[in-house]
Amino acid sequence: MQTTQSMDGNTTLAKTAMVAAEVLVPGASNLVAGNVGTGVATFIGTVAAVAVLAPTMPILGALAAIGLRVNSYRLATSGTNLLSDASNAITAANEVISKPSGPQSGKA
């Protein structure tokens, strides 16, 4: 039982370190996880997005920087990105909407 708790503690500590690194440097969580290309691409993309958006639209620039960092952390920890999750949610919603709903579906 004690080993399970220490493993959970190690996982929590590793994820906390990834969050802290991601706050300081965009893409750092991917670098820590060993995804060097993705980490560097996230860093370059975040810097470019902020450089383009911040002078004229600072709120949008800040949201882009936060979104790219969250996406990087999500990719480093679970292997999926936010766009695939959004795509799956939209597909599921479309399936629910397109299904006929019971006995009233054939009536006008």
Protein backbone atom coordinates (compact mmCIF):
# COMPACT_ATOMS: atom_id res chain seq x y z
CA MET A 1 0.00 0.00 0.00
CA GLN A 2 2.81 2.37 0.80
CA THR A 3 4.41 1.98 -2.65
CA THR A 4 1.15 2.98 -4.31
CA GLN A 5 1.04 6.17 -2.29
CA SER A 6 4.65 7.04 -3.08
CA MET A 7 4.05 6.42 -6.79
CA ASP A 8 1.04 8.72 -6.68
CA GLY A 9 3.16 11.30 -4.89
CA ASN A 10 5.88 11.02 -7.52
CA THR A 11 3.34 11.41 -10.31
CA THR A 12 1.82 14.43 -8.62
CA LEU A 13 5.25 15.97 -8.12
CA ALA A 14 6.17 15.34 -11.77
CA LYS A 15 2.94 16.92 -13.02
CA THR A 16 3.42 19.88 -10.69
CA ALA A 17 6.93 20.36 -12.06
CA MET A 18 5.54 20.22 -15.60
CA VAL A 19 2.94 22.90 -14.80
CA ALA A 20 5.57 25.13 -13.20
CA ALA A 21 7.89 24.69 -16.17
CA GLU A 22 5.05 25.40 -18.61
CA VAL A 23 4.20 28.63 -16.81
CA LEU A 24 7.77 29.84 -17.13
CA VAL A 25 8.59 28.57 -20.63
CA PRO A 26 5.93 27.63 -23.21
CA GLY A 27 6.42 24.02 -24.35
CA ALA A 28 8.57 23.06 -21.37
CA SER A 29 6.25 20.25 -20.28
CA ASN A 30 6.79 18.57 -23.63
CA LEU A 31 10.54 19.02 -23.28
CA VAL A 32 10.39 17.39 -19.83
CA ALA A 33 8.28 14.55 -21.26
CA GLY A 34 10.83 13.98 -24.04
CA ASN A 35 8.85 15.48 -26.92
CA VAL A 36 11.57 17.90 -28.01
CA GLY A 37 10.13 18.79 -31.41
CA THR A 38 6.68 19.49 -30.02
CA GLY A 39 8.13 21.52 -27.15
CA VAL A 40 10.22 23.69 -29.44
CA ALA A 41 7.31 24.16 -31.85
CA THR A 42 5.05 25.21 -28.99
CA PHE A 43 7.65 27.69 -27.77
CA ILE A 44 8.10 29.22 -31.23
CA GLY A 45 4.34 29.28 -31.89
CA THR A 46 3.57 30.93 -28.56
CA VAL A 47 6.26 33.57 -29.01
CA ALA A 48 5.06 34.29 -32.56
CA ALA A 49 1.38 34.47 -31.52
CA VAL A 50 2.12 36.86 -28.67
CA ALA A 51 4.41 38.99 -30.83
CA VAL A 52 1.73 39.35 -33.50
CA LEU A 53 -1.34 39.71 -31.29
CA ALA A 54 -0.15 41.51 -28.16
CA PRO A 55 0.55 44.95 -29.66
CA THR A 56 -2.94 45.42 -31.10
CA MET A 57 -5.07 42.86 -29.22
CA PRO A 58 -3.45 42.17 -25.84
CA ILE A 59 -6.35 40.16 -24.43
CA LEU A 60 -6.40 37.85 -27.45
CA GLY A 61 -2.61 37.54 -27.24
CA ALA A 62 -2.82 36.54 -23.58
CA LEU A 63 -5.58 34.00 -24.33
CA ALA A 64 -3.52 32.54 -27.18
CA ALA A 65 -0.48 32.19 -24.90
CA ILE A 66 -2.56 30.50 -22.19
CA GLY A 67 -4.30 28.21 -24.68
CA LEU A 68 -1.07 27.08 -26.30
CA ARG A 69 0.45 26.34 -22.90
CA VAL A 70 -2.58 24.37 -21.76
CA ASN A 71 -2.52 22.43 -25.02
CA SER A 72 1.18 21.69 -24.54
CA TYR A 73 0.64 20.42 -21.00
CA ARG A 74 -2.32 18.30 -22.11
CA LEU A 75 -0.27 16.79 -24.93
CA ALA A 76 2.65 16.04 -22.60
CA THR A 77 0.52 14.37 -19.92
CA SER A 78 -2.20 12.53 -21.86
CA GLY A 79 -0.95 12.35 -25.44
CA THR A 80 -4.00 14.14 -26.84
CA ASN A 81 -4.41 17.77 -27.70
CA LEU A 82 -7.32 20.12 -27.10
CA LEU A 83 -8.32 20.27 -30.77
CA SER A 84 -8.92 16.53 -30.95
CA ASP A 85 -11.05 16.74 -27.80
CA ALA A 86 -13.06 19.60 -29.28
CA SER A 87 -13.47 17.69 -32.53
CA ASN A 88 -14.74 14.63 -30.66
CA ALA A 89 -17.18 16.77 -28.68
CA ILE A 90 -18.53 18.42 -31.83
CA THR A 91 -18.93 15.04 -33.53
CA ALA A 92 -20.80 13.65 -30.53
CA ALA A 93 -23.05 16.71 -30.39
CA ASN A 94 -23.84 16.43 -34.09
CA GLU A 95 -24.76 12.76 -33.66
CA VAL A 96 -27.13 13.63 -30.83
CA ILE A 97 -28.72 16.46 -32.81
CA SER A 98 -29.16 14.42 -35.99
CA LYS A 99 -30.86 11.47 -34.25
CA PRO A 100 -34.67 11.45 -34.46
CA SER A 101 -36.18 11.87 -31.02
CA GLY A 102 -38.86 9.25 -30.48
CA PRO A 103 -42.42 9.10 -31.79
CA GLN A 104 -42.68 12.78 -32.73
CA SER A 105 -39.84 12.60 -35.27
CA GLY A 106 -42.11 11.53 -38.14
CA LYS A 107 -44.83 14.13 -37.50
CA ALA A 108 -44.83 17.58 -39.02
